[in-house]
Amino acid sequence: MDGPVTGERFRAYVSQTLVPTLQPGDTVILDNLGAHKVAGVREAIKAVGARLLHLPPYSPELNPVKNIWQYIKQNFLSNRVYDGYDAIVDACCAAWNALMAMPERIRSIAERAWANTVIP
């Protein structure tokens, strides 16, 4: 979808795309974006037997996406001088593509053993 994530759009994504892929016992981890908290999201996820876990309000160390970007910044983008916006975008794309070629590294950065211990 083009445009911002709204509650209505996120609810549609959950019901049409996410829920069909979930299995009983799966855990869906969301941050505190307002769109993640709209009516119907929690109910749709729980209806298939999955669990919903909202991260604490400020918890970058618990957010796998933050950890991925931290890894990219530290290993691909730091200590460089960029000639402008396009150079920054190109460097970010190249860094992302390099990381995508390392699925085991992604798994090791983003995996959270504690997610399996959360009580629904």
N, C-alpha and C. Protein backbone atom coordinates (compact mmCIF):
# COMPACT_ATOMS: atom_id res chain seq x y z
N MET A 1 0.84 -1.19 0.00
CA MET A 1 0.00 0.00 0.00
C MET A 1 0.87 1.24 0.00
N ASP A 2 0.48 2.19 -0.74
CA ASP A 2 1.16 3.48 -0.70
C ASP A 2 0.48 4.34 0.35
N GLY A 3 1.26 5.16 1.02
CA GLY A 3 0.70 6.07 2.01
C GLY A 3 0.94 5.59 3.42
N PRO A 4 0.46 6.36 4.37
CA PRO A 4 0.71 6.06 5.78
C PRO A 4 -0.08 4.83 6.26
N VAL A 5 0.42 4.23 7.33
CA VAL A 5 -0.29 3.12 7.96
C VAL A 5 -1.36 3.71 8.87
N THR A 6 -2.59 3.44 8.54
CA THR A 6 -3.70 3.88 9.38
C THR A 6 -4.26 2.66 10.09
N GLY A 7 -5.09 2.89 11.08
CA GLY A 7 -5.72 1.78 11.77
C GLY A 7 -6.52 0.91 10.83
N GLU A 8 -7.26 1.53 9.95
CA GLU A 8 -8.08 0.78 8.99
C GLU A 8 -7.22 -0.08 8.06
N ARG A 9 -6.13 0.49 7.57
CA ARG A 9 -5.23 -0.25 6.68
C ARG A 9 -4.55 -1.41 7.43
N PHE A 10 -4.13 -1.14 8.67
CA PHE A 10 -3.46 -2.19 9.42
C PHE A 10 -4.43 -3.33 9.75
N ARG A 11 -5.64 -2.99 10.11
CA ARG A 11 -6.65 -4.01 10.40
C ARG A 11 -6.89 -4.87 9.15
N ALA A 12 -6.95 -4.24 7.98
CA ALA A 12 -7.13 -4.98 6.72
C ALA A 12 -5.94 -5.89 6.47
N TYR A 13 -4.71 -5.40 6.71
CA TYR A 13 -3.52 -6.23 6.54
C TYR A 13 -3.58 -7.44 7.48
N VAL A 14 -3.93 -7.20 8.73
CA VAL A 14 -3.98 -8.30 9.70
C VAL A 14 -4.98 -9.36 9.25
N SER A 15 -6.18 -8.93 8.89
CA SER A 15 -7.22 -9.91 8.55
C SER A 15 -6.98 -10.60 7.20
N GLN A 16 -6.45 -9.87 6.22
CA GLN A 16 -6.31 -10.42 4.88
C GLN A 16 -4.96 -11.09 4.62
N THR A 17 -3.90 -10.64 5.30
CA THR A 17 -2.56 -11.13 5.00
C THR A 17 -1.92 -11.88 6.16
N LEU A 18 -1.95 -11.29 7.34
CA LEU A 18 -1.26 -11.89 8.48
C LEU A 18 -2.00 -13.10 9.04
N VAL A 19 -3.27 -12.94 9.39
CA VAL A 19 -4.03 -14.01 10.05
C VAL A 19 -4.01 -15.31 9.26
N PRO A 20 -4.16 -15.29 7.93
CA PRO A 20 -4.14 -16.57 7.21
C PRO A 20 -2.81 -17.34 7.32
N THR A 21 -1.74 -16.66 7.72
CA THR A 21 -0.44 -17.32 7.85
C THR A 21 -0.16 -17.80 9.26
N LEU A 22 -0.98 -17.40 10.23
CA LEU A 22 -0.71 -17.72 11.63
C LEU A 22 -1.17 -19.11 12.00
N GLN A 23 -0.46 -19.69 12.94
CA GLN A 23 -0.80 -21.00 13.49
C GLN A 23 -1.07 -20.82 14.99
N PRO A 24 -1.89 -21.69 15.58
CA PRO A 24 -2.09 -21.62 17.03
C PRO A 24 -0.73 -21.69 17.74
N GLY A 25 -0.56 -20.81 18.71
CA GLY A 25 0.69 -20.75 19.46
C GLY A 25 1.70 -19.75 18.92
N ASP A 26 1.49 -19.23 17.70
CA ASP A 26 2.37 -18.19 17.17
C ASP A 26 2.26 -16.94 18.03
N THR A 27 3.32 -16.13 18.03
CA THR A 27 3.31 -14.86 18.76
C THR A 27 3.53 -13.73 17.76
N VAL A 28 2.65 -12.74 17.78
CA VAL A 28 2.78 -11.56 16.94
C VAL A 28 3.27 -10.44 17.86
N ILE A 29 4.42 -9.86 17.53
CA ILE A 29 5.00 -8.80 18.35
C ILE A 29 4.82 -7.49 17.61
N LEU A 30 4.20 -6.54 18.30
CA LEU A 30 3.95 -5.22 17.71
C LEU A 30 4.53 -4.14 18.61
N ASP A 31 4.93 -3.04 17.98
CA ASP A 31 5.33 -1.90 18.79
C ASP A 31 4.08 -1.11 19.15
N ASN A 32 4.24 0.11 19.56
CA ASN A 32 3.10 0.87 20.08
C ASN A 32 2.55 1.89 19.09
N LEU A 33 2.70 1.63 17.81
CA LEU A 33 2.08 2.48 16.80
C LEU A 33 0.57 2.47 17.03
N GLY A 34 -0.05 3.60 16.99
CA GLY A 34 -1.49 3.68 17.24
C GLY A 34 -2.30 2.76 16.36
N ALA A 35 -1.88 2.60 15.11
CA ALA A 35 -2.60 1.73 14.18
C ALA A 35 -2.59 0.27 14.63
N HIS A 36 -1.59 -0.11 15.42
CA HIS A 36 -1.51 -1.49 15.90
C HIS A 36 -2.53 -1.78 17.00
N LYS A 37 -3.14 -0.74 17.53
CA LYS A 37 -4.03 -0.91 18.69
C LYS A 37 -5.50 -0.71 18.36
N VAL A 38 -5.85 -0.63 17.09
CA VAL A 38 -7.25 -0.39 16.71
C VAL A 38 -8.10 -1.62 17.00
N ALA A 39 -9.37 -1.39 17.20
CA ALA A 39 -10.32 -2.47 17.47
C ALA A 39 -10.30 -3.48 16.34
N GLY A 40 -10.32 -4.74 16.70
CA GLY A 40 -10.39 -5.81 15.73
C GLY A 40 -9.06 -6.51 15.48
N VAL A 41 -7.95 -5.84 15.73
CA VAL A 41 -6.63 -6.44 15.49
C VAL A 41 -6.38 -7.56 16.49
N ARG A 42 -6.47 -7.25 17.77
CA ARG A 42 -6.25 -8.25 18.82
C ARG A 42 -7.20 -9.43 18.65
N GLU A 43 -8.45 -9.13 18.39
CA GLU A 43 -9.46 -10.18 18.26
C GLU A 43 -9.16 -11.11 17.09
N ALA A 44 -8.74 -10.56 15.97
CA ALA A 44 -8.44 -11.38 14.78
C ALA A 44 -7.25 -12.30 15.03
N ILE A 45 -6.24 -11.79 15.70
CA ILE A 45 -5.05 -12.58 15.99
C ILE A 45 -5.37 -13.69 16.99
N LYS A 46 -6.09 -13.35 18.05
CA LYS A 46 -6.44 -14.34 19.07
C LYS A 46 -7.41 -15.39 18.54
N ALA A 47 -8.24 -15.03 17.57
CA ALA A 47 -9.23 -15.97 17.03
C ALA A 47 -8.59 -17.19 16.37
N VAL A 48 -7.35 -17.05 15.91
CA VAL A 48 -6.66 -18.19 15.30
C VAL A 48 -5.75 -18.90 16.29
N GLY A 49 -5.81 -18.48 17.56
CA GLY A 49 -5.01 -19.13 18.60
C GLY A 49 -3.60 -18.58 18.72
N ALA A 50 -3.34 -17.45 18.10
CA ALA A 50 -2.03 -16.81 18.22
C ALA A 50 -2.05 -15.83 19.39
N ARG A 51 -0.86 -15.45 19.84
CA ARG A 51 -0.73 -14.50 20.94
C ARG A 51 -0.28 -13.15 20.39
N LEU A 52 -0.68 -12.12 21.08
CA LEU A 52 -0.29 -10.76 20.71
C LEU A 52 0.54 -10.17 21.84
N LEU A 53 1.71 -9.66 21.50
CA LEU A 53 2.59 -9.05 22.48
C LEU A 53 2.94 -7.65 22.01
N HIS A 54 2.58 -6.66 22.83
CA HIS A 54 2.99 -5.28 22.54
C HIS A 54 4.27 -5.00 23.31
N LEU A 55 5.24 -4.42 22.64
CA LEU A 55 6.47 -4.05 23.31
C LEU A 55 6.20 -2.92 24.30
N PRO A 56 7.04 -2.78 25.32
CA PRO A 56 6.90 -1.62 26.22
C PRO A 56 7.03 -0.32 25.41
N PRO A 57 6.52 0.79 25.94
CA PRO A 57 6.50 2.04 25.18
C PRO A 57 7.83 2.44 24.53
N TYR A 58 8.93 2.34 25.25
CA TYR A 58 10.22 2.64 24.64
C TYR A 58 11.14 1.46 24.94
N SER A 59 11.36 0.65 23.93
CA SER A 59 12.14 -0.57 24.15
C SER A 59 12.93 -0.96 22.91
N PRO A 60 13.81 -0.08 22.43
CA PRO A 60 14.53 -0.40 21.20
C PRO A 60 15.34 -1.69 21.31
N GLU A 61 15.82 -2.02 22.50
CA GLU A 61 16.61 -3.24 22.65
C GLU A 61 15.77 -4.50 22.49
N LEU A 62 14.44 -4.38 22.64
CA LEU A 62 13.54 -5.52 22.48
C LEU A 62 12.91 -5.60 21.10
N ASN A 63 13.09 -4.58 20.30
CA ASN A 63 12.45 -4.51 18.99
C ASN A 63 13.40 -5.05 17.93
N PRO A 64 13.10 -6.21 17.35
CA PRO A 64 14.00 -6.80 16.36
C PRO A 64 14.30 -5.86 15.18
N VAL A 65 13.35 -5.04 14.79
CA VAL A 65 13.58 -4.13 13.68
C VAL A 65 14.66 -3.11 14.05
N LYS A 66 14.61 -2.60 15.27
CA LYS A 66 15.64 -1.66 15.73
C LYS A 66 17.01 -2.33 15.74
N ASN A 67 17.05 -3.59 16.16
CA ASN A 67 18.32 -4.31 16.21
C ASN A 67 18.88 -4.53 14.80
N ILE A 68 18.00 -4.81 13.85
CA ILE A 68 18.44 -4.99 12.46
C ILE A 68 19.04 -3.68 11.94
N TRP A 69 18.35 -2.55 12.15
CA TRP A 69 18.86 -1.28 11.66
C TRP A 69 20.15 -0.89 12.38
N GLN A 70 20.24 -1.20 13.66
CA GLN A 70 21.48 -0.91 14.39
C GLN A 70 22.63 -1.70 13.76
N TYR A 71 22.40 -2.97 13.45
CA TYR A 71 23.43 -3.79 12.82
C TYR A 71 23.83 -3.20 11.46
N ILE A 72 22.85 -2.81 10.66
CA ILE A 72 23.14 -2.23 9.35
C ILE A 72 23.96 -0.95 9.50
N LYS A 73 23.55 -0.08 10.42
CA LYS A 73 24.28 1.18 10.61
C LYS A 73 25.71 0.92 11.06
N GLN A 74 25.89 0.02 12.03
CA GLN A 74 27.23 -0.25 12.56
C GLN A 74 28.14 -0.95 11.57
N ASN A 75 27.58 -1.85 10.76
CA ASN A 75 28.42 -2.68 9.91
C ASN A 75 28.51 -2.25 8.46
N PHE A 76 27.61 -1.41 8.02
CA PHE A 76 27.61 -1.03 6.61
C PHE A 76 27.64 0.49 6.37
N LEU A 77 27.12 1.27 7.30
CA LEU A 77 26.89 2.68 6.99
C LEU A 77 27.73 3.66 7.81
N SER A 78 28.33 3.22 8.90
CA SER A 78 29.04 4.16 9.77
C SER A 78 30.41 4.52 9.23
N ASN A 79 30.93 5.63 9.73
CA ASN A 79 32.28 6.11 9.39
C ASN A 79 32.45 6.34 7.89
N ARG A 80 31.43 6.88 7.29
CA ARG A 80 31.49 7.20 5.87
C ARG A 80 30.97 8.62 5.66
N VAL A 81 31.42 9.24 4.59
CA VAL A 81 30.92 10.54 4.20
C VAL A 81 30.15 10.35 2.91
N TYR A 82 28.92 10.87 2.87
CA TYR A 82 28.06 10.71 1.70
C TYR A 82 27.97 12.03 0.96
N ASP A 83 27.89 11.93 -0.37
CA ASP A 83 27.87 13.13 -1.20
C ASP A 83 26.50 13.79 -1.30
N GLY A 84 25.49 13.19 -0.71
CA GLY A 84 24.16 13.76 -0.77
C GLY A 84 23.10 12.71 -0.52
N TYR A 85 21.89 13.13 -0.66
CA TYR A 85 20.74 12.27 -0.37
C TYR A 85 20.77 10.98 -1.19
N ASP A 86 20.99 11.09 -2.49
CA ASP A 86 21.00 9.90 -3.35
C ASP A 86 22.07 8.91 -2.93
N ALA A 87 23.22 9.41 -2.51
CA ALA A 87 24.30 8.52 -2.06
C ALA A 87 23.90 7.80 -0.78
N ILE A 88 23.18 8.48 0.10
CA ILE A 88 22.71 7.85 1.33
C ILE A 88 21.69 6.76 1.01
N VAL A 89 20.75 7.07 0.14
CA VAL A 89 19.74 6.08 -0.26
C VAL A 89 20.41 4.88 -0.91
N ASP A 90 21.36 5.12 -1.80
CA ASP A 90 22.07 4.01 -2.47
C ASP A 90 22.82 3.16 -1.45
N ALA A 91 23.47 3.79 -0.49
CA ALA A 91 24.22 3.05 0.52
C ALA A 91 23.28 2.23 1.40
N CYS A 92 22.13 2.79 1.76
CA CYS A 92 21.14 2.06 2.56
C CYS A 92 20.61 0.86 1.79
N CYS A 93 20.31 1.04 0.53
CA CYS A 93 19.81 -0.07 -0.30
C CYS A 93 20.87 -1.16 -0.43
N ALA A 94 22.11 -0.78 -0.65
CA ALA A 94 23.18 -1.77 -0.77
C ALA A 94 23.38 -2.51 0.55
N ALA A 95 23.30 -1.79 1.66
CA ALA A 95 23.44 -2.42 2.98
C ALA A 95 22.30 -3.39 3.23
N TRP A 96 21.09 -2.97 2.92
CA TRP A 96 19.92 -3.85 3.10
C TRP A 96 20.07 -5.12 2.26
N ASN A 97 20.45 -4.97 1.01
CA ASN A 97 20.61 -6.11 0.12
C ASN A 97 21.72 -7.04 0.62
N ALA A 98 22.79 -6.46 1.14
CA ALA A 98 23.88 -7.29 1.67
C ALA A 98 23.39 -8.10 2.87
N LEU A 99 22.61 -7.48 3.74
CA LEU A 99 22.09 -8.20 4.89
C LEU A 99 21.07 -9.26 4.48
N MET A 100 20.26 -8.98 3.48
CA MET A 100 19.27 -9.96 3.02
C MET A 100 19.94 -11.23 2.49
N ALA A 101 21.18 -11.11 2.08
CA ALA A 101 21.92 -12.28 1.60
C ALA A 101 22.46 -13.13 2.76
N MET A 102 22.20 -12.69 4.00
CA MET A 102 22.69 -13.41 5.19
C MET A 102 21.53 -13.78 6.11
N PRO A 103 20.65 -14.71 5.70
CA PRO A 103 19.47 -15.02 6.51
C PRO A 103 19.79 -15.51 7.93
N GLU A 104 20.89 -16.24 8.09
CA GLU A 104 21.24 -16.71 9.44
C GLU A 104 21.65 -15.55 10.34
N ARG A 105 22.30 -14.55 9.77
CA ARG A 105 22.68 -13.36 10.54
C ARG A 105 21.41 -12.62 10.98
N ILE A 106 20.46 -12.48 10.07
CA ILE A 106 19.19 -11.82 10.41
C ILE A 106 18.52 -12.56 11.55
N ARG A 107 18.46 -13.86 11.43
CA ARG A 107 17.82 -14.68 12.47
C ARG A 107 18.52 -14.47 13.81
N SER A 108 19.84 -14.44 13.82
CA SER A 108 20.56 -14.28 15.08
C SER A 108 20.38 -12.89 15.68
N ILE A 109 20.20 -11.90 14.84
CA ILE A 109 19.98 -10.53 15.34
C ILE A 109 18.57 -10.37 15.88
N ALA A 110 17.60 -10.93 15.17
CA ALA A 110 16.20 -10.66 15.46
C ALA A 110 15.52 -11.66 16.38
N GLU A 111 16.10 -12.83 16.56
CA GLU A 111 15.45 -13.87 17.35
C GLU A 111 15.34 -13.46 18.82
N ARG A 112 14.23 -13.76 19.42
CA ARG A 112 13.99 -13.43 20.82
C ARG A 112 13.44 -14.65 21.53
N ALA A 113 14.28 -15.35 22.27
CA ALA A 113 13.85 -16.55 22.98
C ALA A 113 12.74 -16.24 23.98
N TRP A 114 12.75 -15.05 24.57
CA TRP A 114 11.76 -14.70 25.59
C TRP A 114 10.36 -14.64 25.00
N ALA A 115 10.23 -14.45 23.68
CA ALA A 115 8.90 -14.36 23.09
C ALA A 115 8.12 -15.66 23.26
N ASN A 116 8.81 -16.77 23.38
CA ASN A 116 8.14 -18.05 23.56
C ASN A 116 7.69 -18.29 25.01
N THR A 117 8.10 -17.41 25.91
CA THR A 117 7.73 -17.59 27.31
C THR A 117 6.61 -16.65 27.75
N VAL A 118 6.11 -15.83 26.83
CA VAL A 118 5.08 -14.87 27.17
C VAL A 118 3.75 -15.60 27.38
N ILE A 119 3.09 -15.25 28.43
CA ILE A 119 1.77 -15.83 28.73
C ILE A 119 0.72 -15.01 28.01
N PRO A 120 -0.20 -15.64 27.25
CA PRO A 120 -1.20 -14.88 26.47
C PRO A 120 -2.10 -14.03 27.35
